[in-house]
Amino acid sequence: MGDSLDSLFLHPRAVLTARRIDVYDVINLVVYAKMPSISMRRGKGTVAGFIHLDESRPRSVVRVLPQCQMGEFPRKLEREIESFRYPVPPAQYEPLLERMVATQELAIPFFFHEHHYLVDKRRRAALFSTLYTEMVDKASKGDVVLQLTDSERTSIMFSHAWVTNETLRKYLNLYGVAPWWEQEENLVTHSRLERVLLSDGLSQATTDPTEEYDSQQLPSYLFGQMLLQRARIRLSGTRAREVVGSASAVEPRPIAVEVPKFHSTSQSRTVSSVETATTGDESAPKITKALPLANHDKARVLDEIRSEIAFEEARPKWRSELPILLAQAPTAPADLDEVMLTKRQVAELLGVSVNTVDNRRSDDPYFPQAVVYGQRSLRWKRSEIRQWRDRKKTR
């Protein structure tokens, strides 16, 4: 069967009906049944998860998987996204998410991106390596019958060994994936697959922990998070006005003005509360003096100030910079300059194309050096990019 298939791609429908099946193709069928390819996803299958705005936890955006807590919600989206194909472009998901937030939806989807594809590919390679080791053990014990010819069997995992269709079925049932390949939908979506090779698995360290998805690499996740954060700010303002409007009348009392107290250092800001002091003469003006806030009050006030400053600074460029700022959830405005940007985010910050960023790296000796993550992922510190941009403007 191996001769009828090219060396790079696997055709599961043909493998499942063949009389002779290459032993590596047998392992591939188990790998893809356990970890389906996201590049084949269509419609609602392109949804990787949901971002849930949790009103009970201030400034908290919770990631919720579709099958866990969403109930009927995915059905509401099914017709809207039935034309989506992986990879879903921003021109499709951005208008959808904006409409959902405008109608006050508290949970919006994010989609599979290239980052999912790369992580899943490495996971498949590691799984293939594990299954290969198990296959060697099963063949040596005679649990899996390997053939060299129609009449010659072997217990050694030769590269040209093959199994019969009957052995294939038993092997798939052993790992519980036979029902998955019996579904016509899976045969259609996975009609042509990139083969996982033994060499791919050997490059994966079996002692490394399972790689997790990095939400900072998912554009639709960052965009949805930004929209929900903006919605939270609007909702908080609306509720505050409702509370003020429905307040009942109270007895008049002396008014004490809250006076902020600042230290001389630029990075330290202390807010003090006030206390009203009275004299024997009730007609005399009230005297106020500043008292230190309790620790928890300081934290609450400073947290509100940080949130307002971060939002106001990002307002003029919310489409380009605000998703980056909000996604990093900084603890203080000064920390925003420590955000690490992708090449696309650098291009958006500078207002140029990704190709222009590459050109600047090669022809401008003053362009900031990138930090390398892994083998191919590059990141730039936001503060260095901004300083370079400001120097260019003054030249």
Protein backbone atom coordinates (compact mmCIF):
# COMPACT_ATOMS: atom_id res chain seq x y z
CA MET A 1 0.00 0.00 0.00
CA GLY A 2 2.92 2.31 0.69
CA ASP A 3 3.84 2.34 -3.03
CA SER A 4 0.43 3.73 -4.01
CA LEU A 5 0.75 6.72 -1.69
CA ASP A 6 3.30 9.47 -1.97
CA SER A 7 5.84 9.81 0.82
CA LEU A 8 4.52 13.09 2.18
CA PHE A 9 0.77 12.69 2.44
CA LEU A 10 -1.60 10.14 3.90
CA HIS A 11 -5.03 9.32 2.42
CA PRO A 12 -6.99 7.65 5.26
CA ARG A 13 -9.91 6.43 3.14
CA ALA A 14 -7.56 4.51 0.86
CA VAL A 15 -5.55 3.16 3.82
CA LEU A 16 -8.65 1.86 5.60
CA THR A 17 -9.74 -0.14 2.56
CA ALA A 18 -6.32 -1.43 1.48
CA ARG A 19 -5.20 -5.04 1.77
CA ARG A 20 -1.65 -4.10 2.81
CA ILE A 21 -1.07 -1.14 5.12
CA ASP A 22 2.32 0.38 5.87
CA VAL A 23 3.07 0.09 9.59
CA TYR A 24 3.81 3.83 9.86
CA ASP A 25 0.45 4.66 8.27
CA VAL A 26 -1.22 2.52 10.95
CA ILE A 27 0.34 4.69 13.66
CA ASN A 28 -0.60 7.86 11.77
CA LEU A 29 -4.28 6.88 11.81
CA VAL A 30 -4.22 6.66 15.60
CA VAL A 31 -2.33 9.95 15.93
CA TYR A 32 -4.80 11.93 13.79
CA ALA A 33 -7.86 10.36 15.42
CA LYS A 34 -6.58 11.40 18.84
CA MET A 35 -5.38 14.81 17.64
CA PRO A 36 -7.39 15.92 14.56
CA SER A 37 -5.81 18.53 12.30
CA ILE A 38 -7.12 22.06 12.82
CA SER A 39 -6.23 22.92 9.21
CA MET A 40 -9.24 20.83 8.16
CA ARG A 41 -11.74 22.64 10.39
CA ARG A 42 -14.82 24.32 8.96
CA GLY A 43 -17.72 26.32 10.36
CA LYS A 44 -18.19 25.97 14.11
CA GLY A 45 -15.15 23.70 14.18
CA THR A 46 -12.98 26.79 13.74
CA VAL A 47 -13.97 27.98 17.24
CA ALA A 48 -11.11 27.21 19.63
CA GLY A 49 -12.89 28.46 22.77
CA PHE A 50 -14.85 31.28 24.34
CA ILE A 51 -13.84 34.32 26.36
CA HIS A 52 -16.31 34.87 29.15
CA LEU A 53 -16.81 38.24 30.84
CA ASP A 54 -17.24 37.28 34.49
CA GLU A 55 -19.19 40.09 36.16
CA SER A 56 -18.60 38.65 39.63
CA ARG A 57 -14.83 39.17 39.32
CA PRO A 58 -13.74 42.75 38.49
CA ARG A 59 -11.47 43.05 35.48
CA SER A 60 -11.50 39.30 34.92
CA VAL A 61 -11.82 37.70 31.47
CA VAL A 62 -12.25 33.92 31.74
CA ARG A 63 -11.42 31.51 28.92
CA VAL A 64 -14.15 28.86 28.62
CA LEU A 65 -13.97 25.81 26.35
CA PRO A 66 -17.08 25.27 24.14
CA GLN A 67 -17.94 21.84 25.49
CA CYS A 68 -17.67 22.84 29.15
CA GLN A 69 -20.01 25.63 30.18
CA MET A 70 -21.52 27.24 27.10
CA GLY A 71 -24.73 25.18 26.87
CA GLU A 72 -26.80 26.30 23.86
CA PHE A 73 -24.52 29.20 22.99
CA PRO A 74 -22.54 27.55 20.14
CA ARG A 75 -25.84 26.86 18.31
CA LYS A 76 -26.54 30.59 18.18
CA LEU A 77 -23.31 31.04 16.26
CA GLU A 78 -23.52 28.03 13.98
CA ARG A 79 -25.35 29.76 11.12
CA GLU A 80 -23.22 32.89 11.44
CA ILE A 81 -19.92 31.06 11.12
CA GLU A 82 -20.88 28.14 8.86
CA SER A 83 -18.93 29.75 5.99
CA PHE A 84 -15.76 30.14 8.07
CA ARG A 85 -12.67 28.16 7.04
CA TYR A 86 -9.35 27.77 8.82
CA PRO A 87 -7.56 30.09 9.14
CA VAL A 88 -10.37 32.57 9.89
CA PRO A 89 -9.16 36.02 8.72
CA PRO A 90 -9.65 39.21 10.81
CA ALA A 91 -12.06 40.51 8.15
CA GLN A 92 -14.47 37.76 9.23
CA TYR A 93 -14.05 37.42 12.98
CA GLU A 94 -13.63 41.11 13.90
CA PRO A 95 -17.09 42.26 12.66
CA LEU A 96 -18.68 39.20 14.29
CA LEU A 97 -17.11 39.88 17.69
CA GLU A 98 -17.92 43.60 17.50
CA ARG A 99 -21.60 42.83 16.82
CA MET A 100 -21.75 40.35 19.68
CA VAL A 101 -20.27 42.82 22.17
CA ALA A 102 -22.59 45.57 20.88
CA THR A 103 -25.56 43.32 21.73
CA GLN A 104 -24.10 42.85 25.24
CA GLU A 105 -23.05 39.23 24.85
CA LEU A 106 -20.90 38.31 27.85
CA ALA A 107 -19.13 35.43 26.08
CA ILE A 108 -17.57 35.62 22.61
CA PRO A 109 -15.55 33.03 20.63
CA PHE A 110 -11.93 33.02 19.61
CA PHE A 111 -10.62 30.92 16.74
CA PHE A 112 -7.86 28.47 15.85
CA HIS A 113 -4.74 30.21 14.59
CA GLU A 114 -1.34 29.22 13.24
CA HIS A 115 -0.06 28.95 16.82
CA HIS A 116 -2.53 26.09 17.47
CA TYR A 117 -1.34 24.37 14.30
CA LEU A 118 2.34 24.55 15.25
CA VAL A 119 1.78 23.39 18.82
CA ASP A 120 -0.45 20.51 17.68
CA LYS A 121 2.13 19.46 15.11
CA ARG A 122 4.77 19.14 17.82
CA ARG A 123 2.32 17.25 20.02
CA ARG A 124 1.56 14.79 17.21
CA ALA A 125 5.27 14.19 16.71
CA ALA A 126 5.66 13.38 20.42
CA LEU A 127 2.59 11.11 20.33
CA PHE A 128 3.91 9.30 17.23
CA SER A 129 7.19 8.61 19.05
CA THR A 130 5.29 7.12 22.00
CA LEU A 131 3.07 4.95 19.78
CA TYR A 132 6.08 3.77 17.79
CA THR A 133 7.77 2.57 21.00
CA GLU A 134 4.58 0.76 22.00
CA MET A 135 4.29 -0.80 18.54
CA VAL A 136 7.83 -2.18 18.81
CA ASP A 137 6.92 -3.76 22.14
CA LYS A 138 3.63 -5.21 20.85
CA ALA A 139 5.32 -6.63 17.73
CA SER A 140 8.03 -8.30 19.81
CA LYS A 141 5.37 -9.94 21.98
CA GLY A 142 3.28 -11.00 18.98
CA ASP A 143 0.31 -8.79 19.94
CA VAL A 144 0.59 -7.06 16.54
CA VAL A 145 1.38 -9.26 13.53
CA LEU A 146 3.78 -7.61 11.07
CA GLN A 147 4.24 -8.95 7.55
CA LEU A 148 7.20 -8.83 5.18
CA THR A 149 5.42 -10.87 2.51
CA ASP A 150 2.06 -12.65 2.35
CA SER A 151 3.67 -15.74 3.89
CA GLU A 152 6.50 -14.23 5.94
CA ARG A 153 5.91 -12.58 9.31
CA THR A 154 8.29 -10.65 11.55
CA SER A 155 8.45 -9.39 15.12
CA ILE A 156 10.87 -6.60 14.20
CA MET A 157 9.77 -3.11 13.15
CA PHE A 158 11.32 -3.01 9.69
CA SER A 159 10.61 0.16 7.70
CA HIS A 160 9.02 -1.91 4.90
CA ALA A 161 6.84 -3.99 7.24
CA TRP A 162 3.08 -3.91 6.75
CA VAL A 163 -0.10 -5.27 8.34
CA THR A 164 -3.30 -6.74 6.97
CA ASN A 165 -6.61 -4.94 7.09
CA GLU A 166 -7.76 -7.27 9.86
CA THR A 167 -4.71 -6.40 11.98
CA LEU A 168 -5.32 -2.70 11.32
CA ARG A 169 -8.89 -2.94 12.64
CA LYS A 170 -7.73 -4.70 15.80
CA TYR A 171 -5.04 -2.06 16.35
CA LEU A 172 -7.50 0.83 15.92
CA ASN A 173 -9.94 -0.81 18.34
CA LEU A 174 -7.11 -1.32 20.82
CA TYR A 175 -6.67 2.47 21.03
CA GLY A 176 -10.40 3.21 20.79
CA VAL A 177 -10.20 5.23 17.56
CA ALA A 178 -12.00 2.87 15.16
CA PRO A 179 -15.39 4.67 15.68
CA TRP A 180 -13.76 8.01 14.86
CA TRP A 181 -12.66 6.79 11.44
CA GLU A 182 -16.08 5.24 10.79
CA GLN A 183 -17.67 8.72 10.71
CA GLU A 184 -18.01 10.03 7.16
CA GLU A 185 -17.50 13.63 8.31
CA ASN A 186 -14.02 12.79 9.60
CA LEU A 187 -13.11 10.94 6.40
CA VAL A 188 -14.15 13.99 4.38
CA THR A 189 -12.33 16.60 6.48
CA HIS A 190 -9.22 14.41 6.84
CA SER A 191 -9.07 13.10 3.29
CA ARG A 192 -5.44 14.21 2.79
CA LEU A 193 -3.06 14.52 5.72
CA GLU A 194 0.57 15.41 6.19
CA ARG A 195 2.32 12.26 7.34
CA VAL A 196 3.96 12.31 10.77
CA LEU A 197 7.40 10.73 10.44
CA LEU A 198 9.54 8.94 12.98
CA SER A 199 12.21 11.61 12.56
CA ASP A 200 9.69 14.24 13.70
CA GLY A 201 9.12 12.39 16.95
CA LEU A 202 12.81 11.85 17.63
CA SER A 203 13.32 15.62 17.76
CA GLN A 204 10.84 15.90 20.64
CA ALA A 205 12.23 15.42 24.14
CA THR A 206 9.97 12.95 25.92
CA THR A 207 10.92 14.47 29.28
CA ASP A 208 9.63 17.93 28.37
CA PRO A 209 6.24 18.95 29.81
CA THR A 210 3.30 19.14 27.43
CA GLU A 211 3.41 22.45 25.59
CA GLU A 212 0.44 24.70 26.35
CA TYR A 213 -1.21 27.18 24.00
CA ASP A 214 -0.05 30.76 24.55
CA SER A 215 -3.10 33.04 24.40
CA GLN A 216 -0.81 35.97 23.56
CA GLN A 217 -0.19 34.31 20.17
CA LEU A 218 -3.90 34.23 19.27
CA PRO A 219 -5.04 37.44 17.49
CA SER A 220 -8.78 36.78 17.80
CA TYR A 221 -8.33 36.05 21.54
CA LEU A 222 -6.56 39.40 22.07
CA PHE A 223 -9.12 41.27 19.97
CA GLY A 224 -12.05 39.72 21.86
CA GLN A 225 -10.40 40.40 25.20
CA MET A 226 -9.98 44.06 24.27
CA LEU A 227 -13.65 44.34 23.27
CA LEU A 228 -14.83 42.77 26.53
CA GLN A 229 -12.60 45.04 28.60
CA ARG A 230 -14.08 48.07 26.86
CA ALA A 231 -17.57 46.68 27.44
CA ARG A 232 -16.80 46.23 31.14
CA ILE A 233 -15.75 49.89 31.42
CA ARG A 234 -19.00 50.99 29.75
CA LEU A 235 -21.12 48.69 31.92
CA SER A 236 -19.40 49.92 35.08
CA GLY A 237 -20.10 53.54 34.11
CA THR A 238 -23.76 52.80 33.35
CA ARG A 239 -24.32 51.03 36.66
CA ALA A 240 -22.63 53.82 38.57
CA ARG A 241 -25.00 56.36 36.99
CA GLU A 242 -27.99 54.14 37.81
CA VAL A 243 -26.96 53.93 41.44
CA VAL A 244 -26.54 57.70 41.66
CA GLY A 245 -29.87 58.33 39.96
CA SER A 246 -31.78 55.99 42.28
CA ALA A 247 -30.19 57.21 45.53
CA SER A 248 -32.69 58.24 48.22
CA ALA A 249 -32.58 61.61 49.95
CA VAL A 250 -30.42 61.89 53.07
CA GLU A 251 -29.96 64.45 55.77
CA PRO A 252 -27.56 67.22 54.80
CA ARG A 253 -24.18 67.05 56.44
CA PRO A 254 -20.91 68.99 56.24
CA ILE A 255 -19.05 68.35 53.02
CA ALA A 256 -15.42 67.30 53.24
CA VAL A 257 -13.31 67.70 50.14
CA GLU A 258 -10.99 64.78 49.36
CA VAL A 259 -7.54 66.18 48.68
CA PRO A 260 -4.94 64.07 46.86
CA LYS A 261 -1.48 64.33 48.36
CA PHE A 262 1.57 63.82 46.12
CA HIS A 263 5.19 63.12 46.98
CA SER A 264 7.94 64.85 45.04
CA THR A 265 9.16 61.68 43.32
CA SER A 266 7.70 61.04 39.88
CA GLN A 267 6.92 57.36 40.43
CA SER A 268 5.27 57.65 43.85
CA ARG A 269 1.70 58.86 44.24
CA THR A 270 -0.12 58.79 47.61
CA VAL A 271 -3.80 59.61 47.97
CA SER A 272 -4.99 60.71 51.42
CA SER A 273 -8.46 60.80 52.84
CA VAL A 274 -9.82 63.72 54.87
CA GLU A 275 -11.36 64.18 58.27
CA THR A 276 -13.77 66.97 59.19
CA ALA A 277 -12.98 68.91 62.36
CA THR A 278 -15.54 71.15 64.07
CA THR A 279 -15.19 74.05 66.44
CA GLY A 280 -17.53 75.32 69.10
CA ASP A 281 -19.00 77.86 66.69
CA GLU A 282 -21.28 76.00 64.26
CA SER A 283 -21.25 78.96 61.86
CA ALA A 284 -17.49 78.71 61.44
CA PRO A 285 -16.22 76.94 58.30
CA LYS A 286 -15.35 73.26 58.63
CA ILE A 287 -11.66 72.42 58.79
CA THR A 288 -10.34 69.34 57.06
CA LYS A 289 -7.03 67.53 57.51
CA ALA A 290 -5.51 64.67 55.55
CA LEU A 291 -5.19 61.24 57.16
CA PRO A 292 -3.38 58.21 55.69
CA LEU A 293 -5.53 55.63 53.94
CA ALA A 294 -5.62 52.06 55.14
CA ASN A 295 -3.52 49.67 53.07
CA HIS A 296 -6.51 48.07 51.38
CA ASP A 297 -7.97 51.49 50.53
CA LYS A 298 -4.64 52.55 48.98
CA ALA A 299 -4.60 49.44 46.83
CA ARG A 300 -8.19 50.04 45.69
CA VAL A 301 -7.63 53.70 44.78
CA LEU A 302 -4.31 53.06 43.02
CA ASP A 303 -5.87 50.18 41.09
CA GLU A 304 -8.62 52.49 39.81
CA ILE A 305 -6.06 55.12 38.80
CA ARG A 306 -3.99 52.54 36.90
CA SER A 307 -7.03 51.30 35.00
CA GLU A 308 -8.10 54.82 33.99
CA ILE A 309 -4.60 55.86 32.91
CA ALA A 310 -4.07 52.71 30.82
CA PHE A 311 -7.40 53.20 29.04
CA GLU A 312 -6.93 56.92 28.37
CA GLU A 313 -3.40 56.46 27.01
CA ALA A 314 -4.56 53.82 24.56
CA ARG A 315 -7.80 55.53 23.43
CA PRO A 316 -6.43 57.29 20.27
CA LYS A 317 -4.99 54.04 18.85
CA TRP A 318 -7.29 51.39 20.30
CA ARG A 319 -7.24 49.21 17.17
CA SER A 320 -3.47 48.88 17.11
CA GLU A 321 -2.15 49.24 20.65
CA LEU A 322 -5.01 48.61 23.09
CA PRO A 323 -5.26 44.83 22.43
CA ILE A 324 -1.58 44.54 23.31
CA LEU A 325 -1.92 46.62 26.48
CA LEU A 326 -5.03 44.91 27.80
CA ALA A 327 -3.87 41.42 26.94
CA GLN A 328 -0.78 41.86 29.07
CA ALA A 329 -2.90 43.02 32.05
CA PRO A 330 -0.17 45.27 33.54
CA THR A 331 -0.07 45.95 37.26
CA ALA A 332 1.08 49.51 36.71
CA PRO A 333 1.24 51.86 33.68
CA ALA A 334 5.04 51.78 33.78
CA ASP A 335 4.98 48.04 33.09
CA LEU A 336 3.39 48.59 29.66
CA ASP A 337 6.76 49.39 28.12
CA GLU A 338 7.99 45.92 29.10
CA VAL A 339 5.45 44.19 26.82
CA MET A 340 7.05 41.93 24.21
CA LEU A 341 5.60 42.48 20.71
CA THR A 342 5.38 40.13 17.74
CA LYS A 343 6.58 41.27 14.32
CA ARG A 344 3.00 42.01 13.24
CA GLN A 345 2.38 44.05 16.40
CA VAL A 346 5.60 46.00 15.79
CA ALA A 347 4.38 46.76 12.26
CA GLU A 348 1.02 47.97 13.63
CA LEU A 349 2.73 50.15 16.25
CA LEU A 350 4.94 51.77 13.59
CA GLY A 351 2.14 51.96 11.01
CA VAL A 352 4.07 49.97 8.40
CA SER A 353 3.92 46.55 6.79
CA VAL A 354 5.58 43.39 8.12
CA ASN A 355 7.98 43.44 5.15
CA THR A 356 9.06 46.96 6.11
CA VAL A 357 9.93 45.71 9.60
CA ASP A 358 12.19 43.08 8.01
CA ASN A 359 13.81 45.78 5.85
CA ARG A 360 14.47 47.97 8.88
CA ARG A 361 16.14 45.04 10.65
CA SER A 362 18.57 44.58 7.77
CA ASP A 363 19.31 48.17 6.71
CA ASP A 364 19.02 50.18 9.96
CA PRO A 365 21.82 49.42 12.47
CA TYR A 366 19.90 51.32 15.18
CA PHE A 367 16.75 49.22 14.89
CA PRO A 368 16.17 47.33 18.21
CA GLN A 369 17.49 43.78 18.40
CA ALA A 370 14.84 41.06 18.56
CA VAL A 371 14.64 38.45 21.31
CA VAL A 372 14.38 34.91 19.93
CA TYR A 373 11.80 32.55 21.48
CA GLY A 374 12.19 28.94 20.42
CA GLN A 375 13.55 28.43 16.89
CA ARG A 376 11.63 30.98 14.81
CA SER A 377 9.58 33.24 17.07
CA LEU A 378 10.85 36.84 17.42
CA ARG A 379 9.81 39.45 20.00
CA TRP A 380 10.69 43.12 20.53
CA LYS A 381 10.38 45.15 23.72
CA ARG A 382 7.71 47.79 23.23
CA SER A 383 9.75 50.52 24.98
CA GLU A 384 12.69 50.03 22.58
CA ILE A 385 10.44 50.18 19.51
CA ARG A 386 8.82 53.39 20.76
CA GLN A 387 12.22 54.97 21.48
CA TRP A 388 13.45 54.07 17.98
CA ARG A 389 10.28 55.52 16.45
CA ASP A 390 10.61 58.76 18.42
CA ARG A 391 14.28 59.15 17.39
CA LYS A 392 13.29 58.70 13.74
CA LYS A 393 10.73 61.49 14.04
CA THR A 394 13.27 63.95 15.47
CA ARG A 395 15.90 63.31 12.75
